[in-house]
């Protein structure tokens, strides 16, 4: 472990020890890990001084260093410390924060650390990529430091979908990621206290490319398959499934993309169903469908009043028959009553005419019954054997 500016920092040993204790308590770090973070914090500040990066536009800290810096900044004499150590007041973050730019600054910082000190603590600095996978198999990639709590990224995931975090279950290797996990920790008097711990990739043994399954507690991921093409929808567990059938029918009626299209919009990835019909689109189409039904009913009523014979109202989904394991669905069922799973459930859609042919005995005659023929053949063979054994007197 390399320490820098020992003489200057030795004047603040007591304050450094206080900062170590503060971070150990705040983040549940071990003393050894916290001292490693302190050393990396010192290295970063020295680079900031050498590069005059007072406004955080050139270098950025990794997550553990950023947290120690945050705790240091909460002390009353933080600006005095920075002026005393660096000869200048320094900003922790730039005025306009951009995530992608921050990633670039972190990469620059790691390269500069290697050039200046010959190496850096990769366990502190290196991040891994994880995938959050929803109930339709769609993936969202996140970059995260191994010591960084997962909860912040999971909160962002729910917020991006305008949902409460409590509406989701996030599962890794069959276990729910717990943001309220309790862990026993030794105190100064050798007692054990339960403390709240935010789970991190390091705690869960996560590796590059690992996947977290995100399931909405009130929805299921449903795939409707038609002509070997799959369409994915997030469906409310207790709503009538006819709403999803309506949206599906609307999706099928949409004009196909021209051959010149680059396929950048809603392009279907291998093994991932088309999901154009869920969320806001489903709500909009459901509302539109209700209006259409009202207009049809009003028209039918008008014809009835003048003695006309109104034709039965039809919808776009009436062109299809929906089957769950060969059992026909009529739309009044819900995902719950059908026993559909949280993900991986498949309903087959069949064109009405095709379904008629599937059940037509003329088009699909039963296989010939060979049982009687086989019995007759055996009887004939038996009779022939008896004739051979007969004796004339």
Protein backbone atom coordinates (compact mmCIF):
# COMPACT_ATOMS: atom_id res chain seq x y z
CA UNK A 1 0.00 0.00 0.00
CA UNK A 2 1.49 3.34 -1.11
CA UNK A 3 0.86 6.47 0.91
CA UNK A 4 1.44 9.94 -0.51
CA UNK A 5 2.50 13.24 0.95
CA UNK A 6 3.14 11.56 4.29
CA UNK A 7 4.45 14.66 5.99
CA UNK A 8 1.50 16.82 5.00
CA UNK A 9 -1.08 14.17 5.81
CA UNK A 10 0.55 13.22 9.08
CA UNK A 11 -0.66 16.56 10.44
CA UNK A 12 -4.21 15.23 10.08
CA UNK A 13 -3.88 11.71 11.45
CA UNK A 14 -6.55 12.34 14.07
CA UNK A 15 -8.98 13.70 11.49
CA UNK A 16 -8.22 10.83 9.09
CA UNK A 17 -8.95 8.32 11.87
CA UNK A 18 -12.24 10.09 12.57
CA UNK A 19 -13.16 9.92 8.87
CA UNK A 20 -12.37 6.20 8.78
CA UNK A 21 -14.67 5.55 11.76
CA UNK A 22 -17.42 7.65 10.20
CA UNK A 23 -17.33 5.71 6.92
CA UNK A 24 -17.15 2.32 8.66
CA UNK A 25 -20.34 3.14 10.53
CA UNK A 26 -22.14 4.76 7.59
CA UNK A 27 -21.41 2.10 4.95
CA UNK A 28 -20.70 -0.99 7.07
CA UNK A 29 -17.17 -1.24 5.64
CA UNK A 30 -14.41 -3.20 7.36
CA UNK A 31 -11.50 -1.22 8.81
CA UNK A 32 -9.06 -2.64 6.26
CA UNK A 33 -11.33 -1.74 3.32
CA UNK A 34 -11.91 1.75 4.70
CA UNK A 35 -8.17 2.38 5.03
CA UNK A 36 -7.74 1.30 1.41
CA UNK A 37 -10.41 3.80 0.39
CA UNK A 38 -8.65 6.51 2.44
CA UNK A 39 -5.38 5.85 0.64
CA UNK A 40 -7.13 5.98 -2.77
CA UNK A 41 -8.82 9.23 -1.69
CA UNK A 42 -5.42 10.74 -0.93
CA UNK A 43 -4.10 9.66 -4.34
CA UNK A 44 -7.06 11.24 -6.12
CA UNK A 45 -6.66 14.54 -4.27
CA UNK A 46 -2.98 14.65 -5.19
CA UNK A 47 -3.87 14.19 -8.88
CA UNK A 48 -6.50 16.90 -8.58
CA UNK A 49 -3.83 19.24 -7.23
CA UNK A 50 -1.25 18.37 -9.90
CA UNK A 51 -3.81 18.79 -12.73
CA UNK A 52 -5.52 21.87 -11.16
CA UNK A 53 -8.86 20.09 -11.47
CA UNK A 54 -10.69 22.41 -9.11
CA UNK A 55 -14.10 22.19 -10.85
CA UNK A 56 -14.23 18.40 -11.35
CA UNK A 57 -14.06 18.61 -15.14
CA UNK A 58 -11.03 16.32 -15.66
CA UNK A 59 -11.09 13.58 -13.02
CA UNK A 60 -13.83 11.72 -11.14
CA UNK A 61 -13.75 9.37 -8.13
CA UNK A 62 -15.05 5.80 -8.08
CA UNK A 63 -18.07 5.14 -5.87
CA UNK A 64 -16.26 4.26 -2.58
CA UNK A 65 -14.01 7.34 -2.83
CA UNK A 66 -17.01 9.52 -3.69
CA UNK A 67 -18.74 8.34 -0.50
CA UNK A 68 -15.71 9.07 1.67
CA UNK A 69 -15.40 12.47 0.03
CA UNK A 70 -19.09 13.08 0.76
CA UNK A 71 -18.63 12.29 4.46
CA UNK A 72 -15.54 14.51 4.57
CA UNK A 73 -17.47 17.38 2.94
CA UNK A 74 -20.06 17.26 5.74
CA UNK A 75 -17.44 18.32 8.27
CA UNK A 76 -17.51 21.98 9.24
CA UNK A 77 -13.88 22.65 8.31
CA UNK A 78 -13.91 20.81 4.93
CA UNK A 79 -13.02 23.90 2.87
CA UNK A 80 -10.21 24.70 5.32
CA UNK A 81 -8.88 21.14 4.94
CA UNK A 82 -8.90 21.36 1.14
CA UNK A 83 -7.18 24.74 1.16
CA UNK A 84 -4.60 23.50 3.65
CA UNK A 85 -3.94 20.25 1.73
CA UNK A 86 -4.26 21.43 -1.86
CA UNK A 87 -3.85 25.19 -1.65
CA UNK A 88 -7.24 25.68 -3.28
CA UNK A 89 -10.97 25.19 -2.68
CA UNK A 90 -12.21 22.23 -4.75
CA UNK A 91 -15.59 21.00 -6.01
CA UNK A 92 -16.63 17.40 -5.60
CA UNK A 93 -18.89 17.33 -8.70
CA UNK A 94 -19.13 19.46 -11.85
CA UNK A 95 -21.83 22.12 -12.16
CA UNK A 96 -23.64 20.12 -14.87
CA UNK A 97 -23.46 16.39 -14.18
CA UNK A 98 -23.67 13.96 -17.11
CA UNK A 99 -23.46 10.20 -16.51
CA UNK A 100 -21.61 9.36 -19.72
CA UNK A 101 -19.12 12.17 -19.22
CA UNK A 102 -18.55 11.01 -15.66
CA UNK A 103 -17.73 7.49 -16.95
CA UNK A 104 -15.14 9.01 -19.28
CA UNK A 105 -13.60 11.00 -16.43
CA UNK A 106 -13.35 7.85 -14.28
CA UNK A 107 -11.53 6.05 -17.12
CA UNK A 108 -9.17 9.03 -17.44
CA UNK A 109 -8.57 8.94 -13.69
CA UNK A 110 -7.63 5.24 -13.71
CA UNK A 111 -5.20 5.80 -16.59
CA UNK A 112 -3.64 8.78 -14.79
CA UNK A 113 -3.33 6.79 -11.55
CA UNK A 114 -1.43 4.06 -13.40
CA UNK A 115 0.91 6.60 -14.97
CA UNK A 116 1.49 8.50 -11.72
CA UNK A 117 1.71 5.64 -9.20
CA UNK A 118 2.43 2.61 -11.39
CA UNK A 119 -0.86 0.94 -10.44
CA UNK A 120 -4.17 1.52 -8.68
CA UNK A 121 -6.51 -0.54 -6.50
CA UNK A 122 -8.66 -2.20 -9.17
CA UNK A 123 -10.92 -3.72 -6.51
CA UNK A 124 -12.00 -0.20 -5.63
CA UNK A 125 -12.12 1.31 -9.10
CA UNK A 126 -13.33 -1.37 -11.50
CA UNK A 127 -17.04 -1.61 -12.31
CA UNK A 128 -19.05 -4.48 -13.73
CA UNK A 129 -22.00 -4.58 -16.10
CA UNK A 130 -25.23 -6.19 -14.97
CA UNK A 131 -28.49 -6.76 -16.85
CA UNK A 132 -31.94 -6.10 -15.44
CA UNK A 133 -34.36 -8.40 -17.30
CA UNK A 134 -38.11 -7.79 -17.24
CA UNK A 135 -40.95 -10.32 -17.57
CA UNK A 136 -40.83 -10.12 -21.36
CA UNK A 137 -37.10 -10.82 -21.56
CA UNK A 138 -36.12 -7.22 -22.35
CA UNK A 139 -32.73 -6.28 -20.95
CA UNK A 140 -31.41 -3.02 -19.53
CA UNK A 141 -27.68 -2.77 -18.80
CA UNK A 142 -26.25 -0.95 -15.78
CA UNK A 143 -22.65 -0.16 -14.84
CA UNK A 144 -22.03 -0.48 -11.13
CA UNK A 145 -19.09 -0.52 -8.74
CA UNK A 146 -18.86 -3.81 -6.82
CA UNK A 147 -19.20 -1.97 -3.49
CA UNK A 148 -22.06 0.23 -4.64
CA UNK A 149 -25.55 -0.54 -3.23
CA UNK A 150 -27.88 -2.01 -5.83
CA UNK A 151 -30.86 -0.16 -4.42
CA UNK A 152 -30.04 3.14 -6.17
CA UNK A 153 -30.08 1.52 -9.61
CA UNK A 154 -33.23 -0.46 -8.81
CA UNK A 155 -34.99 2.72 -7.66
CA UNK A 156 -33.98 4.39 -10.95
CA UNK A 157 -35.35 1.39 -12.88
CA UNK A 158 -38.77 1.72 -11.25
CA UNK A 159 -38.73 5.52 -11.54
CA UNK A 160 -38.01 5.35 -15.29
CA UNK A 161 -41.23 3.34 -15.63
CA UNK A 162 -43.15 5.76 -13.40
CA UNK A 163 -43.79 3.02 -10.88
CA UNK A 164 -43.23 2.69 -7.14
CA UNK A 165 -40.21 0.62 -6.18
CA UNK A 166 -42.46 -1.50 -3.95
CA UNK A 167 -44.31 -2.70 -7.07
CA UNK A 168 -41.29 -4.74 -8.16
CA UNK A 169 -39.46 -7.83 -7.02
CA UNK A 170 -35.81 -7.98 -8.06
CA UNK A 171 -34.39 -11.50 -7.98
CA UNK A 172 -30.82 -12.75 -8.36
CA UNK A 173 -30.12 -16.48 -8.50
CA UNK A 174 -33.53 -17.29 -7.02
CA UNK A 175 -33.29 -14.85 -4.06
CA UNK A 176 -35.02 -11.49 -3.72
CA UNK A 177 -32.62 -8.56 -3.42
CA UNK A 178 -33.40 -7.07 -0.02
CA UNK A 179 -32.99 -3.34 0.62
CA UNK A 180 -33.86 -3.86 4.30
CA UNK A 181 -31.46 -6.68 5.08
CA UNK A 182 -30.29 -6.98 8.68
CA UNK A 183 -26.76 -8.05 9.50
CA UNK A 184 -25.14 -8.64 12.89
CA UNK A 185 -22.18 -6.40 13.62
CA UNK A 186 -19.82 -6.41 16.60
CA UNK A 187 -19.75 -3.28 18.75
CA UNK A 188 -16.92 -1.88 20.84
CA UNK A 189 -18.16 -3.76 23.93
CA UNK A 190 -18.19 -7.08 22.00
CA UNK A 191 -21.97 -7.14 21.74
CA UNK A 192 -23.84 -7.92 18.51
CA UNK A 193 -26.13 -5.30 16.99
CA UNK A 194 -28.39 -5.72 13.96
CA UNK A 195 -27.71 -3.01 11.38
CA UNK A 196 -29.43 -2.22 8.07
CA UNK A 197 -27.28 -3.25 5.13
CA UNK A 198 -27.79 -2.30 1.48
CA UNK A 199 -26.84 -5.30 -0.65
CA UNK A 200 -24.03 -4.78 -3.15
CA UNK A 201 -22.70 -6.84 -6.09
CA UNK A 202 -19.71 -7.82 -3.93
CA UNK A 203 -21.96 -9.10 -1.13
CA UNK A 204 -24.02 -11.17 -3.59
CA UNK A 205 -21.00 -12.52 -5.46
CA UNK A 206 -22.08 -10.92 -8.74
CA UNK A 207 -19.88 -11.15 -11.81
CA UNK A 208 -19.68 -9.40 -15.16
CA UNK A 209 -22.86 -9.97 -17.19
CA UNK A 210 -24.97 -11.43 -14.37
CA UNK A 211 -28.73 -10.90 -14.68
CA UNK A 212 -31.30 -9.54 -12.24
CA UNK A 213 -34.92 -10.53 -12.92
CA UNK A 214 -37.41 -7.67 -12.44
CA UNK A 215 -41.04 -8.72 -11.90
CA UNK A 216 -43.97 -6.34 -11.44
CA UNK A 217 -46.07 -7.74 -8.61
CA UNK A 218 -49.38 -6.73 -10.28
CA UNK A 219 -48.54 -7.85 -13.81
CA UNK A 220 -47.48 -10.90 -15.78
CA UNK A 221 -45.42 -11.14 -18.95
CA UNK A 222 -47.60 -12.66 -21.68
CA UNK A 223 -46.60 -13.75 -25.17
CA UNK A 224 -49.26 -14.09 -27.89
CA UNK A 225 -48.02 -16.22 -30.78
CA UNK A 226 -49.47 -15.90 -34.28
CA UNK A 227 -48.00 -17.53 -37.40
CA UNK A 228 -44.76 -18.30 -35.53
CA UNK A 229 -44.29 -14.61 -34.61
CA UNK A 230 -44.41 -13.58 -30.96
CA UNK A 231 -45.87 -10.40 -29.47
CA UNK A 232 -45.15 -9.53 -25.83
CA UNK A 233 -47.39 -7.66 -23.37
CA UNK A 234 -47.37 -6.77 -19.70
CA UNK A 235 -50.83 -7.71 -18.46
CA UNK A 236 -52.60 -6.74 -15.24
CA UNK A 237 -53.24 -9.89 -13.24
CA UNK A 238 -56.87 -9.10 -12.39
CA UNK A 239 -58.05 -7.35 -15.57
CA UNK A 240 -60.03 -9.14 -18.27
CA UNK A 241 -57.59 -10.47 -20.83
CA UNK A 242 -59.83 -9.19 -23.65
CA UNK A 243 -58.09 -5.83 -23.28
CA UNK A 244 -54.80 -7.44 -24.24
CA UNK A 245 -56.48 -9.26 -27.15
CA UNK A 246 -57.78 -5.90 -28.42
CA UNK A 247 -54.31 -4.37 -28.32
CA UNK A 248 -52.86 -7.44 -30.01
CA UNK A 249 -55.40 -7.17 -32.84
CA UNK A 250 -54.55 -3.49 -33.28
CA UNK A 251 -50.85 -4.37 -33.49
CA UNK A 252 -51.52 -6.97 -36.19
CA UNK A 253 -53.50 -4.44 -38.24
CA UNK A 254 -50.59 -2.00 -38.32
CA UNK A 255 -48.88 -1.71 -41.73
CA UNK A 256 -45.65 -3.63 -42.06
CA UNK A 257 -42.37 -1.78 -42.34
CA UNK A 258 -41.02 -1.14 -45.80
CA UNK A 259 -37.99 -3.18 -46.92
CA UNK A 260 -35.93 0.03 -46.89
CA UNK A 261 -36.59 0.58 -43.19
CA UNK A 262 -33.50 0.28 -41.02
CA UNK A 263 -35.59 -1.43 -38.35
CA UNK A 264 -34.31 0.88 -35.63
CA UNK A 265 -37.77 1.46 -34.15
CA UNK A 266 -39.13 -1.42 -32.09
CA UNK A 267 -36.88 -3.88 -33.88
CA UNK A 268 -37.46 -7.42 -32.63
CA UNK A 269 -34.33 -8.98 -31.24
CA UNK A 270 -33.62 -12.69 -31.47
CA UNK A 271 -35.59 -14.54 -28.83
CA UNK A 272 -37.28 -11.37 -27.53
CA UNK A 273 -40.94 -10.84 -28.45
CA UNK A 274 -42.24 -7.65 -30.02
CA UNK A 275 -43.50 -5.49 -27.13
CA UNK A 276 -45.02 -2.54 -28.97
CA UNK A 277 -48.43 -3.02 -27.41
CA UNK A 278 -47.82 -2.72 -23.68
CA UNK A 279 -47.95 0.16 -21.18
CA UNK A 280 -49.24 3.53 -22.45
CA UNK A 281 -50.15 2.22 -25.91
CA UNK A 282 -52.38 -0.43 -24.39
CA UNK A 283 -54.25 2.15 -22.34
CA UNK A 284 -54.71 4.45 -25.34
CA UNK A 285 -55.94 1.65 -27.56
CA UNK A 286 -58.28 0.33 -24.89
CA UNK A 287 -59.84 3.78 -24.56
CA UNK A 288 -60.18 4.07 -28.35
CA UNK A 289 -61.76 0.62 -28.52
CA UNK A 290 -64.33 1.57 -25.89
CA UNK A 291 -65.29 4.61 -27.94
CA UNK A 292 -65.67 2.47 -31.06
CA UNK A 293 -67.87 0.00 -29.20
CA UNK A 294 -70.05 2.83 -27.92
CA UNK A 295 -70.50 4.13 -31.45
CA UNK A 296 -71.41 0.64 -32.73
CA UNK A 297 -73.93 0.12 -29.93
CA UNK A 298 -75.49 3.50 -30.60
CA UNK A 299 -75.83 2.66 -34.29
CA UNK A 300 -77.38 -0.71 -33.51
CA UNK A 301 -79.91 0.88 -31.17
CA UNK A 302 -80.87 3.41 -33.82
CA UNK A 303 -81.55 0.69 -36.40
CA UNK A 304 -83.59 -1.28 -33.89
CA UNK A 305 -85.85 1.69 -33.24
CA UNK A 306 -86.84 1.95 -36.90
CA UNK A 307 -87.46 -1.74 -37.27
CA UNK A 308 -84.19 -2.59 -38.96
CA UNK A 309 -82.18 -5.74 -38.31
CA UNK A 310 -78.87 -4.51 -36.89
CA UNK A 311 -75.80 -6.61 -37.73
CA UNK A 312 -73.88 -7.89 -34.71
CA UNK A 313 -71.03 -5.62 -33.61
CA UNK A 314 -67.58 -6.91 -34.52
CA UNK A 315 -64.12 -6.03 -33.29
CA UNK A 316 -60.72 -6.56 -34.79
CA UNK A 317 -59.98 -9.33 -32.31
CA UNK A 318 -63.04 -11.23 -33.55
CA UNK A 319 -60.85 -12.29 -36.49
CA UNK A 320 -58.86 -14.52 -34.14
CA UNK A 321 -59.41 -17.45 -31.83
CA UNK A 322 -57.20 -17.45 -28.72
CA UNK A 323 -56.06 -20.77 -27.29
CA UNK A 324 -54.32 -21.63 -24.04
CA UNK A 325 -53.06 -25.21 -24.23
CA UNK A 326 -55.77 -26.00 -26.85
CA UNK A 327 -58.50 -24.53 -24.62
CA UNK A 328 -60.36 -21.61 -26.20
CA UNK A 329 -60.38 -18.28 -24.34
CA UNK A 330 -63.23 -15.79 -24.68
CA UNK A 331 -61.65 -12.71 -23.07
CA UNK A 332 -63.60 -12.42 -19.85
CA UNK A 333 -60.92 -14.42 -18.03
CA UNK A 334 -58.05 -12.79 -16.13
CA UNK A 335 -54.43 -13.83 -15.85
CA UNK A 336 -55.09 -14.88 -12.25
CA UNK A 337 -58.10 -17.10 -13.04
CA UNK A 338 -56.16 -18.70 -15.89
CA UNK A 339 -53.23 -19.41 -13.59
CA UNK A 340 -50.72 -17.67 -15.86
CA UNK A 341 -47.15 -17.47 -14.59
CA UNK A 342 -45.29 -14.23 -13.89
CA UNK A 343 -43.27 -14.74 -17.07
CA UNK A 344 -43.12 -17.21 -19.92
CA UNK A 345 -46.87 -17.69 -20.43
CA UNK A 346 -47.89 -18.21 -24.08
CA UNK A 347 -51.31 -17.91 -25.73
CA UNK A 348 -51.70 -19.00 -29.34
CA UNK A 349 -53.77 -16.86 -31.71
CA UNK A 350 -55.34 -18.57 -34.73
CA UNK A 351 -57.24 -17.02 -37.62
CA UNK A 352 -60.95 -17.87 -37.39
CA UNK A 353 -61.01 -19.64 -40.78
CA UNK A 354 -57.93 -21.63 -39.89
CA UNK A 355 -59.52 -22.65 -36.60
CA UNK A 356 -62.64 -23.85 -38.46
CA UNK A 357 -60.51 -26.08 -40.65
CA UNK A 358 -58.63 -27.35 -37.59
CA UNK A 359 -61.94 -28.69 -36.19
CA UNK A 360 -63.50 -29.79 -39.48
CA UNK A 361 -63.83 -33.58 -39.85
CA UNK A 362 -63.88 -33.24 -43.63
CA UNK A 363 -60.58 -31.35 -43.66
CA UNK A 364 -59.10 -33.47 -40.89
CA UNK A 365 -60.58 -36.99 -41.19
CA UNK A 366 -59.77 -39.33 -38.32
CA UNK A 367 -57.11 -41.94 -38.99
CA UNK A 368 -58.49 -45.24 -40.29
CA UNK A 369 -59.49 -47.71 -37.60
CA UNK A 370 -57.41 -50.80 -38.26
CA UNK A 371 -58.51 -52.62 -35.11
CA UNK A 372 -61.38 -54.57 -36.77
CA UNK A 373 -59.30 -55.38 -39.83
CA UNK A 374 -56.57 -56.82 -37.66
CA UNK A 375 -59.13 -58.91 -35.73
CA UNK A 376 -60.67 -60.26 -38.96
CA UNK A 377 -57.22 -61.13 -40.29
CA UNK A 378 -56.38 -63.02 -37.10
CA UNK A 379 -59.72 -64.88 -37.22
CA UNK A 380 -59.19 -65.80 -40.86
CA UNK A 381 -55.68 -67.03 -40.09
CA UNK A 382 -57.02 -69.13 -37.22
CA UNK A 383 -59.68 -70.67 -39.43
CA UNK A 384 -57.10 -71.54 -42.04
CA UNK A 385 -55.01 -73.30 -39.40
CA UNK A 386 -58.02 -75.37 -38.25
CA UNK A 387 -58.68 -76.49 -41.83
CA UNK A 388 -55.13 -77.71 -42.17
CA UNK A 389 -55.52 -79.90 -39.08
CA UNK A 390 -58.89 -81.48 -40.07
CA UNK A 391 -59.04 -85.26 -40.94
CA UNK A 392 -61.52 -86.86 -43.40
CA UNK A 393 -63.03 -90.22 -42.29
